[in-house]
């Protein structure tokens, strides 16, 4: 801090969240319904959100999902 040096670190891959995308799901679908369905399948969901178009801020038929790291994460596909 004395030398005003910038530092950045990265999380190891096994500690990072696993991210998946659900395509072609209508934007009006409730995020809580998606989260509940994934939890029923045995995934530990940390975050679900609907993507929006940058220029118009309109919701897109894309939902992003963050899941806690686990060996069974790829089963979501």
PDB file of N, CA and C in Angstrom:
ATOM      1  N   UNK A   1       0.816  -1.191   0.000  1.00  0.00           N
ATOM      2  CA  UNK A   1       0.000   0.000   0.000  1.00  0.00           C
ATOM      3  C   UNK A   1       0.863   1.259   0.000  1.00  0.00           C
ATOM      4  N   UNK A   2       2.028   1.156   0.608  1.00  0.00           N
ATOM      5  CA  UNK A   2       2.909   2.319   0.662  1.00  0.00           C
ATOM      6  C   UNK A   2       3.375   2.734  -0.727  1.00  0.00           C
ATOM      7  N   UNK A   3       3.576   1.734  -1.611  1.00  0.00           N
ATOM      8  CA  UNK A   3       4.052   2.023  -2.964  1.00  0.00           C
ATOM      9  C   UNK A   3       2.900   2.169  -3.958  1.00  0.00           C
ATOM     10  N   UNK A   4       1.661   2.070  -3.476  1.00  0.00           N
ATOM     11  CA  UNK A   4       0.477   2.224  -4.318  1.00  0.00           C
ATOM     12  C   UNK A   4       0.452   1.192  -5.458  1.00  0.00           C
ATOM     13  N   UNK A   5       0.788  -0.051  -5.138  1.00  0.00           N
ATOM     14  CA  UNK A   5       0.843  -1.136  -6.106  1.00  0.00           C
ATOM     15  C   UNK A   5      -0.509  -1.824  -6.203  1.00  0.00           C
ATOM     16  N   UNK A   6      -0.951  -2.086  -7.431  1.00  0.00           N
ATOM     17  CA  UNK A   6      -2.211  -2.790  -7.636  1.00  0.00           C
ATOM     18  C   UNK A   6      -1.951  -4.288  -7.633  1.00  0.00           C
ATOM     19  N   UNK A   7      -2.840  -5.017  -6.978  1.00  0.00           N
ATOM     20  CA  UNK A   7      -2.719  -6.468  -6.884  1.00  0.00           C
ATOM     21  C   UNK A   7      -4.061  -7.078  -7.225  1.00  0.00           C
ATOM     22  N   UNK A   8      -4.014  -8.184  -7.974  1.00  0.00           N
ATOM     23  CA  UNK A   8      -5.236  -8.905  -8.301  1.00  0.00           C
ATOM     24  C   UNK A   8      -4.964 -10.389  -8.145  1.00  0.00           C
ATOM     25  N   UNK A   9      -5.912 -11.117  -7.557  1.00  0.00           N
ATOM     26  CA  UNK A   9      -5.766 -12.559  -7.401  1.00  0.00           C
ATOM     27  C   UNK A   9      -6.950 -13.254  -8.066  1.00  0.00           C
ATOM     28  N   UNK A  10      -6.771 -14.515  -8.367  1.00  0.00           N
ATOM     29  CA  UNK A  10      -7.813 -15.323  -8.966  1.00  0.00           C
ATOM     30  C   UNK A  10      -8.141 -16.475  -8.040  1.00  0.00           C
ATOM     31  N   UNK A  11      -9.410 -16.879  -8.041  1.00  0.00           N
ATOM     32  CA  UNK A  11      -9.801 -18.056  -7.279  1.00  0.00           C
ATOM     33  C   UNK A  11      -9.415 -19.294  -8.080  1.00  0.00           C
ATOM     34  N   UNK A  12      -8.983 -20.351  -7.408  1.00  0.00           N
ATOM     35  CA  UNK A  12      -8.732 -21.604  -8.128  1.00  0.00           C
ATOM     36  C   UNK A  12     -10.037 -22.122  -8.734  1.00  0.00           C
ATOM     37  N   UNK A  13      -9.936 -22.855  -9.818  1.00  0.00           N
ATOM     38  CA  UNK A  13     -11.109 -23.348 -10.534  1.00  0.00           C
ATOM     39  C   UNK A  13     -12.051 -24.127  -9.617  1.00  0.00           C
ATOM     40  N   UNK A  14     -11.511 -24.923  -8.705  1.00  0.00           N
ATOM     41  CA  UNK A  14     -12.373 -25.737  -7.837  1.00  0.00           C
ATOM     42  C   UNK A  14     -13.128 -24.898  -6.799  1.00  0.00           C
ATOM     43  N   UNK A  15     -12.742 -23.636  -6.598  1.00  0.00           N
ATOM     44  CA  UNK A  15     -13.425 -22.755  -5.645  1.00  0.00           C
ATOM     45  C   UNK A  15     -14.412 -21.806  -6.320  1.00  0.00           C
ATOM     46  N   UNK A  16     -14.338 -21.684  -7.641  1.00  0.00           N
ATOM     47  CA  UNK A  16     -15.220 -20.763  -8.371  1.00  0.00           C
ATOM     48  C   UNK A  16     -16.604 -21.365  -8.568  1.00  0.00           C
ATOM     49  N   UNK A  17     -17.584 -20.505  -8.716  1.00  0.00           N
ATOM     50  CA  UNK A  17     -18.944 -20.956  -9.009  1.00  0.00           C
ATOM     51  C   UNK A  17     -18.990 -21.566 -10.402  1.00  0.00           C
ATOM     52  N   UNK A  18     -19.884 -22.516 -10.574  1.00  0.00           N
ATOM     53  CA  UNK A  18     -20.122 -23.123 -11.878  1.00  0.00           C
ATOM     54  C   UNK A  18     -21.268 -22.354 -12.507  1.00  0.00           C
ATOM     55  N   UNK A  19     -21.102 -21.876 -13.729  1.00  0.00           N
ATOM     56  CA  UNK A  19     -22.128 -21.073 -14.378  1.00  0.00           C
ATOM     57  C   UNK A  19     -22.688 -21.826 -15.575  1.00  0.00           C
ATOM     58  N   UNK A  20     -24.015 -21.801 -15.677  1.00  0.00           N
ATOM     59  CA  UNK A  20     -24.705 -22.423 -16.806  1.00  0.00           C
ATOM     60  C   UNK A  20     -25.700 -21.409 -17.365  1.00  0.00           C
ATOM     61  N   UNK A  21     -26.116 -21.642 -18.597  1.00  0.00           N
ATOM     62  CA  UNK A  21     -27.078 -20.763 -19.265  1.00  0.00           C
ATOM     63  C   UNK A  21     -28.257 -21.604 -19.735  1.00  0.00           C
ATOM     64  N   UNK A  22     -29.456 -21.129 -19.438  1.00  0.00           N
ATOM     65  CA  UNK A  22     -30.666 -21.752 -19.971  1.00  0.00           C
ATOM     66  C   UNK A  22     -31.158 -20.854 -21.094  1.00  0.00           C
ATOM     67  N   UNK A  23     -31.240 -21.415 -22.289  1.00  0.00           N
ATOM     68  CA  UNK A  23     -31.685 -20.652 -23.462  1.00  0.00           C
ATOM     69  C   UNK A  23     -33.128 -20.994 -23.798  1.00  0.00           C
ATOM     70  N   UNK A  24     -33.765 -20.067 -24.513  1.00  0.00           N
ATOM     71  CA  UNK A  24     -35.127 -20.252 -25.039  1.00  0.00           C
ATOM     72  C   UNK A  24     -36.161 -20.516 -23.955  1.00  0.00           C
ATOM     73  N   UNK A  25     -35.955 -19.943 -22.794  1.00  0.00           N
ATOM     74  CA  UNK A  25     -36.946 -19.984 -21.725  1.00  0.00           C
ATOM     75  C   UNK A  25     -37.535 -18.587 -21.630  1.00  0.00           C
ATOM     76  N   UNK A  26     -38.839 -18.476 -21.701  1.00  0.00           N
ATOM     77  CA  UNK A  26     -39.483 -17.168 -21.769  1.00  0.00           C
ATOM     78  C   UNK A  26     -39.048 -16.282 -20.600  1.00  0.00           C
ATOM     79  N   UNK A  27     -38.778 -14.999 -20.869  1.00  0.00           N
ATOM     80  CA  UNK A  27     -38.304 -14.089 -19.825  1.00  0.00           C
ATOM     81  C   UNK A  27     -39.272 -13.903 -18.659  1.00  0.00           C
ATOM     82  N   UNK A  28     -40.545 -14.203 -18.859  1.00  0.00           N
ATOM     83  CA  UNK A  28     -41.512 -14.045 -17.773  1.00  0.00           C
ATOM     84  C   UNK A  28     -41.450 -15.190 -16.765  1.00  0.00           C
ATOM     85  N   UNK A  29     -40.644 -16.217 -17.043  1.00  0.00           N
ATOM     86  CA  UNK A  29     -40.493 -17.335 -16.116  1.00  0.00           C
ATOM     87  C   UNK A  29     -39.881 -16.823 -14.816  1.00  0.00           C
ATOM     88  N   UNK A  30     -40.494 -17.176 -13.710  1.00  0.00           N
ATOM     89  CA  UNK A  30     -40.022 -16.713 -12.404  1.00  0.00           C
ATOM     90  C   UNK A  30     -38.672 -17.335 -12.063  1.00  0.00           C
ATOM     91  N   UNK A  31     -37.764 -16.504 -11.598  1.00  0.00           N
ATOM     92  CA  UNK A  31     -36.419 -16.944 -11.216  1.00  0.00           C
ATOM     93  C   UNK A  31     -36.499 -17.937 -10.057  1.00  0.00           C
ATOM     94  N   UNK A  32     -37.422 -17.713  -9.139  1.00  0.00           N
ATOM     95  CA  UNK A  32     -37.574 -18.613  -7.993  1.00  0.00           C
ATOM     96  C   UNK A  32     -38.031 -20.011  -8.428  1.00  0.00           C
ATOM     97  N   UNK A  33     -38.826 -20.096  -9.485  1.00  0.00           N
ATOM     98  CA  UNK A  33     -39.253 -21.400  -9.997  1.00  0.00           C
ATOM     99  C   UNK A  33     -38.069 -22.170 -10.564  1.00  0.00           C
ATOM    100  N   UNK A  34     -37.199 -21.482 -11.280  1.00  0.00           N
ATOM    101  CA  UNK A  34     -36.000 -22.118 -11.842  1.00  0.00           C
ATOM    102  C   UNK A  34     -35.109 -22.598 -10.708  1.00  0.00           C
ATOM    103  N   UNK A  35     -34.898 -21.743  -9.734  1.00  0.00           N
ATOM    104  CA  UNK A  35     -34.038 -22.084  -8.594  1.00  0.00           C
ATOM    105  C   UNK A  35     -34.603 -23.290  -7.833  1.00  0.00           C
ATOM    106  N   UNK A  36     -35.898 -23.292  -7.592  1.00  0.00           N
ATOM    107  CA  UNK A  36     -36.539 -24.388  -6.869  1.00  0.00           C
ATOM    108  C   UNK A  36     -36.383 -25.705  -7.626  1.00  0.00           C
ATOM    109  N   UNK A  37     -36.558 -25.679  -8.944  1.00  0.00           N
ATOM    110  CA  UNK A  37     -36.439 -26.894  -9.760  1.00  0.00           C
ATOM    111  C   UNK A  37     -35.017 -27.450  -9.718  1.00  0.00           C
ATOM    112  N   UNK A  38     -34.030 -26.564  -9.751  1.00  0.00           N
ATOM    113  CA  UNK A  38     -32.636 -27.025  -9.704  1.00  0.00           C
ATOM    114  C   UNK A  38     -32.271 -27.573  -8.325  1.00  0.00           C
ATOM    115  N   UNK A  39     -32.802 -26.968  -7.283  1.00  0.00           N
ATOM    116  CA  UNK A  39     -32.551 -27.470  -5.928  1.00  0.00           C
ATOM    117  C   UNK A  39     -33.165 -28.855  -5.765  1.00  0.00           C
ATOM    118  N   UNK A  40     -34.350 -29.074  -6.344  1.00  0.00           N
ATOM    119  CA  UNK A  40     -34.983 -30.398  -6.300  1.00  0.00           C
ATOM    120  C   UNK A  40     -34.137 -31.447  -7.002  1.00  0.00           C
ATOM    121  N   UNK A  41     -33.359 -31.034  -8.010  1.00  0.00           N
ATOM    122  CA  UNK A  41     -32.475 -31.950  -8.731  1.00  0.00           C
ATOM    123  C   UNK A  41     -31.163 -32.191  -7.984  1.00  0.00           C
ATOM    124  N   UNK A  42     -30.961 -31.486  -6.851  1.00  0.00           N
ATOM    125  CA  UNK A  42     -29.780 -31.725  -6.030  1.00  0.00           C
ATOM    126  C   UNK A  42     -28.651 -30.734  -6.219  1.00  0.00           C
ATOM    127  N   UNK A  43     -28.890 -29.613  -6.900  1.00  0.00           N
ATOM    128  CA  UNK A  43     -27.854 -28.604  -7.106  1.00  0.00           C
ATOM    129  C   UNK A  43     -27.971 -27.504  -6.053  1.00  0.00           C
ATOM    130  N   UNK A  44     -26.840 -26.962  -5.630  1.00  0.00           N
ATOM    131  CA  UNK A  44     -26.824 -25.857  -4.670  1.00  0.00           C
ATOM    132  C   UNK A  44     -26.721 -24.546  -5.445  1.00  0.00           C
ATOM    133  N   UNK A  45     -27.855 -23.948  -5.743  1.00  0.00           N
ATOM    134  CA  UNK A  45     -27.927 -22.746  -6.564  1.00  0.00           C
ATOM    135  C   UNK A  45     -27.648 -21.522  -5.695  1.00  0.00           C
ATOM    136  N   UNK A  46     -26.736 -20.661  -6.166  1.00  0.00           N
ATOM    137  CA  UNK A  46     -26.438 -19.430  -5.439  1.00  0.00           C
ATOM    138  C   UNK A  46     -27.097 -18.215  -6.070  1.00  0.00           C
ATOM    139  N   UNK A  47     -27.287 -18.247  -7.396  1.00  0.00           N
ATOM    140  CA  UNK A  47     -27.843 -17.078  -8.058  1.00  0.00           C
ATOM    141  C   UNK A  47     -28.466 -17.482  -9.395  1.00  0.00           C
ATOM    142  N   UNK A  48     -29.611 -16.887  -9.709  1.00  0.00           N
ATOM    143  CA  UNK A  48     -30.275 -17.063 -11.008  1.00  0.00           C
ATOM    144  C   UNK A  48     -30.748 -15.695 -11.454  1.00  0.00           C
ATOM    145  N   UNK A  49     -30.467 -15.339 -12.709  1.00  0.00           N
ATOM    146  CA  UNK A  49     -30.953 -14.055 -13.202  1.00  0.00           C
ATOM    147  C   UNK A  49     -31.209 -14.134 -14.699  1.00  0.00           C
ATOM    148  N   UNK A  50     -32.094 -13.230 -15.131  1.00  0.00           N
ATOM    149  CA  UNK A  50     -32.479 -13.140 -16.531  1.00  0.00           C
ATOM    150  C   UNK A  50     -31.596 -12.100 -17.224  1.00  0.00           C
ATOM    151  N   UNK A  51     -31.011 -12.463 -18.357  1.00  0.00           N
ATOM    152  CA  UNK A  51     -30.162 -11.537 -19.104  1.00  0.00           C
ATOM    153  C   UNK A  51     -31.026 -10.488 -19.784  1.00  0.00           C
ATOM    154  N   UNK A  52     -30.470  -9.294 -19.925  1.00  0.00           N
ATOM    155  CA  UNK A  52     -31.178  -8.190 -20.580  1.00  0.00           C
ATOM    156  C   UNK A  52     -30.339  -7.659 -21.735  1.00  0.00           C
ATOM    157  N   UNK A  53     -31.028  -7.147 -22.752  1.00  0.00           N
ATOM    158  CA  UNK A  53     -30.347  -6.557 -23.897  1.00  0.00           C
ATOM    159  C   UNK A  53     -29.703  -5.239 -23.459  1.00  0.00           C
ATOM    160  N   UNK A  54     -28.465  -5.033 -23.854  1.00  0.00           N
ATOM    161  CA  UNK A  54     -27.717  -3.858 -23.383  1.00  0.00           C
ATOM    162  C   UNK A  54     -28.337  -2.529 -23.793  1.00  0.00           C
ATOM    163  N   UNK A  55     -28.706  -2.408 -25.045  1.00  0.00           N
ATOM    164  CA  UNK A  55     -29.163  -1.106 -25.536  1.00  0.00           C
ATOM    165  C   UNK A  55     -30.579  -0.744 -25.077  1.00  0.00           C
ATOM    166  N   UNK A  56     -31.478  -1.724 -25.014  1.00  0.00           N
ATOM    167  CA  UNK A  56     -32.865  -1.418 -24.677  1.00  0.00           C
ATOM    168  C   UNK A  56     -33.270  -1.876 -23.280  1.00  0.00           C
ATOM    169  N   UNK A  57     -32.432  -2.676 -22.638  1.00  0.00           N
ATOM    170  CA  UNK A  57     -32.690  -3.214 -21.297  1.00  0.00           C
ATOM    171  C   UNK A  57     -33.921  -4.132 -21.277  1.00  0.00           C
ATOM    172  N   UNK A  58     -34.270  -4.694 -22.439  1.00  0.00           N
ATOM    173  CA  UNK A  58     -35.378  -5.640 -22.525  1.00  0.00           C
ATOM    174  C   UNK A  58     -34.899  -7.026 -22.114  1.00  0.00           C
ATOM    175  N   UNK A  59     -35.723  -7.791 -21.398  1.00  0.00           N
ATOM    176  CA  UNK A  59     -35.326  -9.148 -21.009  1.00  0.00           C
ATOM    177  C   UNK A  59     -35.200 -10.062 -22.223  1.00  0.00           C
ATOM    178  N   UNK A  60     -34.192 -10.904 -22.201  1.00  0.00           N
ATOM    179  CA  UNK A  60     -33.936 -11.863 -23.272  1.00  0.00           C
ATOM    180  C   UNK A  60     -34.343 -13.263 -22.827  1.00  0.00           C
ATOM    181  N   UNK A  61     -34.507 -14.201 -23.757  1.00  0.00           N
ATOM    182  CA  UNK A  61     -34.841 -15.578 -23.365  1.00  0.00           C
ATOM    183  C   UNK A  61     -33.594 -16.350 -22.906  1.00  0.00           C
ATOM    184  N   UNK A  62     -32.801 -15.742 -22.040  1.00  0.00           N
ATOM    185  CA  UNK A  62     -31.592 -16.337 -21.480  1.00  0.00           C
ATOM    186  C   UNK A  62     -31.619 -16.175 -19.967  1.00  0.00           C
ATOM    187  N   UNK A  63     -31.326 -17.247 -19.259  1.00  0.00           N
ATOM    188  CA  UNK A  63     -31.220 -17.185 -17.803  1.00  0.00           C
ATOM    189  C   UNK A  63     -29.851 -17.743 -17.411  1.00  0.00           C
ATOM    190  N   UNK A  64     -29.122 -17.000 -16.591  1.00  0.00           N
ATOM    191  CA  UNK A  64     -27.823 -17.431 -16.093  1.00  0.00           C
ATOM    192  C   UNK A  64     -27.997 -18.033 -14.710  1.00  0.00           C
ATOM    193  N   UNK A  65     -27.230 -19.091 -14.437  1.00  0.00           N
ATOM    194  CA  UNK A  65     -27.328 -19.792 -13.172  1.00  0.00           C
ATOM    195  C   UNK A  65     -25.927 -19.973 -12.600  1.00  0.00           C
ATOM    196  N   UNK A  66     -25.750 -19.626 -11.324  1.00  0.00           N
ATOM    197  CA  UNK A  66     -24.504 -19.896 -10.611  1.00  0.00           C
ATOM    198  C   UNK A  66     -24.775 -20.999  -9.597  1.00  0.00           C
ATOM    199  N   UNK A  67     -23.918 -22.019  -9.615  1.00  0.00           N
ATOM    200  CA  UNK A  67     -24.061 -23.167  -8.724  1.00  0.00           C
ATOM    201  C   UNK A  67     -22.784 -23.308  -7.921  1.00  0.00           C
ATOM    202  N   UNK A  68     -22.908 -23.699  -6.648  1.00  0.00           N
ATOM    203  CA  UNK A  68     -21.725 -23.919  -5.819  1.00  0.00           C
ATOM    204  C   UNK A  68     -20.904 -25.053  -6.417  1.00  0.00           C
ATOM    205  N   UNK A  69     -19.565 -24.961  -6.306  1.00  0.00           N
ATOM    206  CA  UNK A  69     -18.705 -26.001  -6.894  1.00  0.00           C
ATOM    207  C   UNK A  69     -18.972 -27.382  -6.289  1.00  0.00           C
ATOM    208  N   UNK A  70     -19.126 -28.374  -7.174  1.00  0.00           N
ATOM    209  CA  UNK A  70     -19.337 -29.757  -6.762  1.00  0.00           C
ATOM    210  C   UNK A  70     -19.014 -30.658  -7.946  1.00  0.00           C
ATOM    211  N   UNK A  71     -18.657 -31.872  -7.672  1.00  0.00           N
ATOM    212  CA  UNK A  71     -18.270 -32.789  -8.763  1.00  0.00           C
ATOM    213  C   UNK A  71     -19.432 -33.140  -9.691  1.00  0.00           C
ATOM    214  N   UNK A  72     -20.662 -32.973  -9.239  1.00  0.00           N
ATOM    215  CA  UNK A  72     -21.814 -33.323 -10.066  1.00  0.00           C
ATOM    216  C   UNK A  72     -22.388 -32.140 -10.843  1.00  0.00           C
ATOM    217  N   UNK A  73     -21.708 -31.037 -10.904  1.00  0.00           N
ATOM    218  CA  UNK A  73     -22.244 -29.843 -11.560  1.00  0.00           C
ATOM    219  C   UNK A  73     -22.545 -30.057 -13.037  1.00  0.00           C
ATOM    220  N   UNK A  74     -21.738 -30.817 -13.735  1.00  0.00           N
ATOM    221  CA  UNK A  74     -21.938 -30.981 -15.175  1.00  0.00           C
ATOM    222  C   UNK A  74     -23.190 -31.790 -15.497  1.00  0.00           C
ATOM    223  N   UNK A  75     -23.792 -32.405 -14.489  1.00  0.00           N
ATOM    224  CA  UNK A  75     -25.040 -33.147 -14.698  1.00  0.00           C
ATOM    225  C   UNK A  75     -26.190 -32.207 -15.028  1.00  0.00           C
ATOM    226  N   UNK A  76     -26.026 -30.912 -14.796  1.00  0.00           N
ATOM    227  CA  UNK A  76     -27.081 -29.943 -15.080  1.00  0.00           C
ATOM    228  C   UNK A  76     -27.375 -29.880 -16.576  1.00  0.00           C
ATOM    229  N   UNK A  77     -26.374 -30.199 -17.400  1.00  0.00           N
ATOM    230  CA  UNK A  77     -26.570 -30.124 -18.845  1.00  0.00           C
ATOM    231  C   UNK A  77     -27.384 -31.303 -19.321  1.00  0.00           C
TER     232      UNK A  77
END
